[in-house]
Amino acid sequence: MVLEWKPKKKDKVQAFKEFHLQDGAVIGVFQGSKGKNPDLDIVVKYKDKFTKRVVRTPKHIHWVIDLLIKKEHDRELTLEFINYLFSMYDKIQPFKNKAEQQKCELKFTSPEKLKRYDPLNKYGEHSVEFIGHIIELLSIEEKTGFEGAFMFKNVLQALKEEKDIFSIVSTATHNGRL
């Protein structure tokens, strides 16, 4: 399967990298054009079992809600997963060149590294593999193109600190700060 996406006022483009997940979801990485390094920028899109024909853009609020659902069912393991994602954020490096961007390796969210969190897949709509891949890819995107950006870190921090739902949602939807 090759994911295609039609940016506004442009022709359809194909993902230069795809990740096929165990639950059937496909995450595609497309060439972006924003930020301080537009040649290295990426756009992340996906299809999953719910979006069979539609290619969607992952939003912060979607994975945040999913993590909150998982936390209601298994607080300890979900907080451990959130801590893993939070520590991953600081280790993620931006793309340094075009070859690195095109290879687009995920270093922190392989199925082996996430296996510990598999019991959380029983809750919410997204697998821990999907959430991990999305967060890793979007963190790379954030660090590659937007100097001083720290959206993911703020959202993960709010989840890690178990802030109230209003604060978490405000942070995830760009409406507020911690």
C-alpha atoms as a PDB file:
ATOM      1  CA  MET A   1       0.000   0.000   0.000  1.00  0.00           C
ATOM      2  CA  VAL A   2       1.251   3.462  -0.801  1.00  0.00           C
ATOM      3  CA  LEU A   3      -0.407   6.285   1.067  1.00  0.00           C
ATOM      4  CA  GLU A   4      -1.316   9.302  -1.021  1.00  0.00           C
ATOM      5  CA  TRP A   5      -2.247  12.750   0.173  1.00  0.00           C
ATOM      6  CA  LYS A   6      -3.427  15.825  -1.669  1.00  0.00           C
ATOM      7  CA  PRO A   7      -2.078  19.007  -0.088  1.00  0.00           C
ATOM      8  CA  LYS A   8      -4.191  22.121  -0.627  1.00  0.00           C
ATOM      9  CA  LYS A   9      -3.746  23.591  -4.094  1.00  0.00           C
ATOM     10  CA  LYS A  10      -1.226  20.909  -5.083  1.00  0.00           C
ATOM     11  CA  ASP A  11      -1.153  17.571  -6.857  1.00  0.00           C
ATOM     12  CA  LYS A  12      -1.363  14.280  -4.980  1.00  0.00           C
ATOM     13  CA  VAL A  13       1.874  13.133  -3.397  1.00  0.00           C
ATOM     14  CA  GLN A  14       2.989   9.740  -2.157  1.00  0.00           C
ATOM     15  CA  ALA A  15       4.532   8.929   1.193  1.00  0.00           C
ATOM     16  CA  PHE A  16       8.287   8.458   0.920  1.00  0.00           C
ATOM     17  CA  LYS A  17       8.208   6.230   4.013  1.00  0.00           C
ATOM     18  CA  GLU A  18       5.479   4.018   5.448  1.00  0.00           C
ATOM     19  CA  PHE A  19       5.172   2.194   8.723  1.00  0.00           C
ATOM     20  CA  HIS A  20       2.803  -0.793   8.700  1.00  0.00           C
ATOM     21  CA  LEU A  21       1.659  -1.507  12.241  1.00  0.00           C
ATOM     22  CA  GLN A  22       0.582  -4.793  13.781  1.00  0.00           C
ATOM     23  CA  ASP A  23      -3.020  -3.568  14.169  1.00  0.00           C
ATOM     24  CA  GLY A  24      -3.342  -2.785  10.452  1.00  0.00           C
ATOM     25  CA  ALA A  25      -2.741   0.949  10.691  1.00  0.00           C
ATOM     26  CA  VAL A  26      -0.390   2.552   8.190  1.00  0.00           C
ATOM     27  CA  ILE A  27       1.520   5.726   9.009  1.00  0.00           C
ATOM     28  CA  GLY A  28       2.919   7.649   6.064  1.00  0.00           C
ATOM     29  CA  VAL A  29       5.670  10.239   6.045  1.00  0.00           C
ATOM     30  CA  PHE A  30       5.463  12.891   3.333  1.00  0.00           C
ATOM     31  CA  GLN A  31       7.741  15.715   2.286  1.00  0.00           C
ATOM     32  CA  GLY A  32       6.868  18.898   4.154  1.00  0.00           C
ATOM     33  CA  SER A  33       7.689  22.508   3.358  1.00  0.00           C
ATOM     34  CA  LYS A  34       7.594  24.480   6.605  1.00  0.00           C
ATOM     35  CA  GLY A  35       9.901  25.643   9.341  1.00  0.00           C
ATOM     36  CA  LYS A  36      13.549  26.582   9.428  1.00  0.00           C
ATOM     37  CA  ASN A  37      14.562  23.537   7.320  1.00  0.00           C
ATOM     38  CA  PRO A  38      11.729  23.094   4.787  1.00  0.00           C
ATOM     39  CA  ASP A  39      13.743  20.534   2.781  1.00  0.00           C
ATOM     40  CA  LEU A  40      13.924  18.333   5.884  1.00  0.00           C
ATOM     41  CA  ASP A  41      10.363  18.979   7.063  1.00  0.00           C
ATOM     42  CA  ILE A  42       7.918  16.084   7.165  1.00  0.00           C
ATOM     43  CA  VAL A  43       4.155  15.708   7.235  1.00  0.00           C
ATOM     44  CA  VAL A  44       2.701  12.693   9.023  1.00  0.00           C
ATOM     45  CA  LYS A  45      -0.590  11.108   7.916  1.00  0.00           C
ATOM     46  CA  TYR A  46      -2.260   7.795   8.673  1.00  0.00           C
ATOM     47  CA  LYS A  47      -4.967   5.287   7.863  1.00  0.00           C
ATOM     48  CA  ASP A  48      -6.285   2.869  10.438  1.00  0.00           C
ATOM     49  CA  LYS A  49      -9.151   0.398  10.799  1.00  0.00           C
ATOM     50  CA  PHE A  50     -11.536   3.309  11.291  1.00  0.00           C
ATOM     51  CA  THR A  51     -10.297   5.380   8.331  1.00  0.00           C
ATOM     52  CA  LYS A  52     -10.149   2.745   5.613  1.00  0.00           C
ATOM     53  CA  ARG A  53     -10.199   5.222   2.723  1.00  0.00           C
ATOM     54  CA  VAL A  54      -9.427   8.524   4.378  1.00  0.00           C
ATOM     55  CA  VAL A  55      -5.855   9.639   5.053  1.00  0.00           C
ATOM     56  CA  ARG A  56      -5.894  11.640   8.275  1.00  0.00           C
ATOM     57  CA  THR A  57      -3.600  13.991  10.129  1.00  0.00           C
ATOM     58  CA  PRO A  58      -2.907  12.917  13.716  1.00  0.00           C
ATOM     59  CA  LYS A  59      -3.925  15.556  16.228  1.00  0.00           C
ATOM     60  CA  HIS A  60      -2.460  15.878  19.713  1.00  0.00           C
ATOM     61  CA  ILE A  61      -5.874  15.652  21.295  1.00  0.00           C
ATOM     62  CA  HIS A  62      -6.548  12.213  19.753  1.00  0.00           C
ATOM     63  CA  TRP A  63      -3.585  10.432  21.342  1.00  0.00           C
ATOM     64  CA  VAL A  64      -4.037  12.414  24.565  1.00  0.00           C
ATOM     65  CA  ILE A  65      -7.633  11.215  24.938  1.00  0.00           C
ATOM     66  CA  ASP A  66      -6.537   7.676  24.153  1.00  0.00           C
ATOM     67  CA  LEU A  67      -3.868   7.831  26.870  1.00  0.00           C
ATOM     68  CA  LEU A  68      -6.431   9.200  29.348  1.00  0.00           C
ATOM     69  CA  ILE A  69      -8.748   6.273  28.538  1.00  0.00           C
ATOM     70  CA  LYS A  70      -5.886   3.823  29.001  1.00  0.00           C
ATOM     71  CA  LYS A  71      -4.999   5.501  32.310  1.00  0.00           C
ATOM     72  CA  GLU A  72      -8.549   4.984  33.620  1.00  0.00           C
ATOM     73  CA  HIS A  73      -8.117   1.241  33.092  1.00  0.00           C
ATOM     74  CA  ASP A  74      -4.460   0.761  34.071  1.00  0.00           C
ATOM     75  CA  ARG A  75      -3.084   3.852  35.766  1.00  0.00           C
ATOM     76  CA  GLU A  76       0.320   2.435  36.711  1.00  0.00           C
ATOM     77  CA  LEU A  77       1.222   1.007  33.299  1.00  0.00           C
ATOM     78  CA  THR A  78      -0.102   4.049  31.439  1.00  0.00           C
ATOM     79  CA  LEU A  79       1.962   6.408  33.593  1.00  0.00           C
ATOM     80  CA  GLU A  80       4.985   4.199  32.965  1.00  0.00           C
ATOM     81  CA  PHE A  81       4.283   4.454  29.195  1.00  0.00           C
ATOM     82  CA  ILE A  82       3.881   8.240  29.447  1.00  0.00           C
ATOM     83  CA  ASN A  83       7.209   8.449  31.309  1.00  0.00           C
ATOM     84  CA  TYR A  84       8.834   6.379  28.557  1.00  0.00           C
ATOM     85  CA  LEU A  85       7.435   8.732  25.895  1.00  0.00           C
ATOM     86  CA  PHE A  86       8.529  11.770  27.909  1.00  0.00           C
ATOM     87  CA  SER A  87      12.103  10.493  28.264  1.00  0.00           C
ATOM     88  CA  MET A  88      12.116   9.599  24.554  1.00  0.00           C
ATOM     89  CA  TYR A  89      11.297  13.192  23.609  1.00  0.00           C
ATOM     90  CA  ASP A  90      14.578  14.546  24.999  1.00  0.00           C
ATOM     91  CA  LYS A  91      16.597  11.874  23.172  1.00  0.00           C
ATOM     92  CA  ILE A  92      14.985  12.472  19.772  1.00  0.00           C
ATOM     93  CA  GLN A  93      17.202  14.346  17.333  1.00  0.00           C
ATOM     94  CA  PRO A  94      16.120  16.432  14.347  1.00  0.00           C
ATOM     95  CA  PHE A  95      17.019  15.314  10.840  1.00  0.00           C
ATOM     96  CA  LYS A  96      20.481  16.564   9.920  1.00  0.00           C
ATOM     97  CA  ASN A  97      20.363  15.882   6.175  1.00  0.00           C
ATOM     98  CA  LYS A  98      18.129  14.684   3.357  1.00  0.00           C
ATOM     99  CA  ALA A  99      19.375  11.070   3.474  1.00  0.00           C
ATOM    100  CA  GLU A 100      18.471  10.854   7.183  1.00  0.00           C
ATOM    101  CA  GLN A 101      15.041  12.321   6.485  1.00  0.00           C
ATOM    102  CA  GLN A 102      14.325   9.889   3.647  1.00  0.00           C
ATOM    103  CA  LYS A 103      15.429   6.908   5.757  1.00  0.00           C
ATOM    104  CA  CYS A 104      13.271   8.173   8.650  1.00  0.00           C
ATOM    105  CA  GLU A 105      14.264   5.556  11.202  1.00  0.00           C
ATOM    106  CA  LEU A 106      12.307   5.147  14.402  1.00  0.00           C
ATOM    107  CA  LYS A 107      14.744   4.505  17.223  1.00  0.00           C
ATOM    108  CA  PHE A 108      12.484   4.374  20.273  1.00  0.00           C
ATOM    109  CA  THR A 109       9.180   2.789  19.299  1.00  0.00           C
ATOM    110  CA  SER A 110       9.972  -0.608  17.842  1.00  0.00           C
ATOM    111  CA  PRO A 111       7.524  -3.376  18.808  1.00  0.00           C
ATOM    112  CA  GLU A 112      10.250  -4.872  21.022  1.00  0.00           C
ATOM    113  CA  LYS A 113      10.705  -1.643  22.983  1.00  0.00           C
ATOM    114  CA  LEU A 114       6.953  -1.192  23.396  1.00  0.00           C
ATOM    115  CA  LYS A 115       6.088  -4.827  24.218  1.00  0.00           C
ATOM    116  CA  ARG A 116       5.968  -4.040  27.940  1.00  0.00           C
ATOM    117  CA  TYR A 117       2.985  -1.746  27.291  1.00  0.00           C
ATOM    118  CA  ASP A 118       0.955  -4.183  25.121  1.00  0.00           C
ATOM    119  CA  PRO A 119      -1.690  -4.748  27.852  1.00  0.00           C
ATOM    120  CA  LEU A 120      -2.794  -1.130  27.235  1.00  0.00           C
ATOM    121  CA  ASN A 121      -3.919  -2.097  23.730  1.00  0.00           C
ATOM    122  CA  LYS A 122      -7.147  -3.437  25.281  1.00  0.00           C
ATOM    123  CA  TYR A 123      -8.236   0.120  26.025  1.00  0.00           C
ATOM    124  CA  GLY A 124      -8.947   3.101  23.773  1.00  0.00           C
ATOM    125  CA  GLU A 125      -8.837   3.050  19.984  1.00  0.00           C
ATOM    126  CA  HIS A 126      -5.107   3.276  19.283  1.00  0.00           C
ATOM    127  CA  SER A 127      -2.363   0.777  19.968  1.00  0.00           C
ATOM    128  CA  VAL A 128       0.699   1.763  21.966  1.00  0.00           C
ATOM    129  CA  GLU A 129       2.661   1.139  18.758  1.00  0.00           C
ATOM    130  CA  PHE A 130       0.523   3.714  16.919  1.00  0.00           C
ATOM    131  CA  ILE A 131       0.779   6.283  19.726  1.00  0.00           C
ATOM    132  CA  GLY A 132       4.523   5.718  20.097  1.00  0.00           C
ATOM    133  CA  HIS A 133       5.210   6.019  16.355  1.00  0.00           C
ATOM    134  CA  ILE A 134       3.052   9.133  16.012  1.00  0.00           C
ATOM    135  CA  ILE A 135       4.726  10.838  18.971  1.00  0.00           C
ATOM    136  CA  GLU A 136       8.217   9.896  17.785  1.00  0.00           C
ATOM    137  CA  LEU A 137       7.553  11.123  14.221  1.00  0.00           C
ATOM    138  CA  LEU A 138       5.848  14.342  15.254  1.00  0.00           C
ATOM    139  CA  SER A 139       8.593  15.048  17.790  1.00  0.00           C
ATOM    140  CA  ILE A 140      11.186  14.673  15.030  1.00  0.00           C
ATOM    141  CA  GLU A 141       9.096  17.007  12.868  1.00  0.00           C
ATOM    142  CA  GLU A 142       8.834  19.538  15.693  1.00  0.00           C
ATOM    143  CA  LYS A 143      12.560  19.452  16.442  1.00  0.00           C
ATOM    144  CA  THR A 144      13.585  19.575  12.769  1.00  0.00           C
ATOM    145  CA  GLY A 145      11.545  22.538  11.684  1.00  0.00           C
ATOM    146  CA  PHE A 146      10.520  24.654  14.602  1.00  0.00           C
ATOM    147  CA  GLU A 147      13.316  25.937  16.803  1.00  0.00           C
ATOM    148  CA  GLY A 148      12.095  26.516  20.320  1.00  0.00           C
ATOM    149  CA  ALA A 149       8.973  24.407  19.775  1.00  0.00           C
ATOM    150  CA  PHE A 150       8.111  22.139  22.671  1.00  0.00           C
ATOM    151  CA  MET A 151       4.450  21.252  22.231  1.00  0.00           C
ATOM    152  CA  PHE A 152       4.936  17.528  22.698  1.00  0.00           C
ATOM    153  CA  LYS A 153       7.051  17.983  25.768  1.00  0.00           C
ATOM    154  CA  ASN A 154       4.403  20.229  27.345  1.00  0.00           C
ATOM    155  CA  VAL A 155       1.585  17.787  26.601  1.00  0.00           C
ATOM    156  CA  LEU A 156       3.572  14.807  27.870  1.00  0.00           C
ATOM    157  CA  GLN A 157       4.586  16.805  30.959  1.00  0.00           C
ATOM    158  CA  ALA A 158       0.932  17.595  31.707  1.00  0.00           C
ATOM    159  CA  LEU A 159       0.037  13.901  31.370  1.00  0.00           C
ATOM    160  CA  LYS A 160       3.035  12.813  33.437  1.00  0.00           C
ATOM    161  CA  GLU A 161       2.132  15.233  36.230  1.00  0.00           C
ATOM    162  CA  GLU A 162      -1.505  14.108  36.045  1.00  0.00           C
ATOM    163  CA  LYS A 163      -2.760  17.641  35.559  1.00  0.00           C
ATOM    164  CA  ASP A 164      -6.508  18.196  35.479  1.00  0.00           C
ATOM    165  CA  ILE A 165      -8.304  17.397  32.221  1.00  0.00           C
ATOM    166  CA  PHE A 166      -8.885  21.085  31.397  1.00  0.00           C
ATOM    167  CA  SER A 167      -5.139  21.807  31.566  1.00  0.00           C
ATOM    168  CA  ILE A 168      -4.248  18.753  29.525  1.00  0.00           C
ATOM    169  CA  VAL A 169      -6.833  19.488  26.820  1.00  0.00           C
ATOM    170  CA  SER A 170      -5.849  23.159  26.704  1.00  0.00           C
ATOM    171  CA  THR A 171      -2.214  22.215  26.208  1.00  0.00           C
ATOM    172  CA  ALA A 172      -3.018  19.566  23.580  1.00  0.00           C
ATOM    173  CA  THR A 173      -5.244  21.918  21.586  1.00  0.00           C
ATOM    174  CA  HIS A 174      -2.888  24.916  21.629  1.00  0.00           C
ATOM    175  CA  ASN A 175      -5.321  26.864  23.810  1.00  0.00           C
ATOM    176  CA  GLY A 176      -3.198  27.229  26.869  1.00  0.00           C
ATOM    177  CA  ARG A 177      -0.059  26.482  28.788  1.00  0.00           C
ATOM    178  CA  LEU A 178       0.633  24.457  31.858  1.00  0.00           C
END
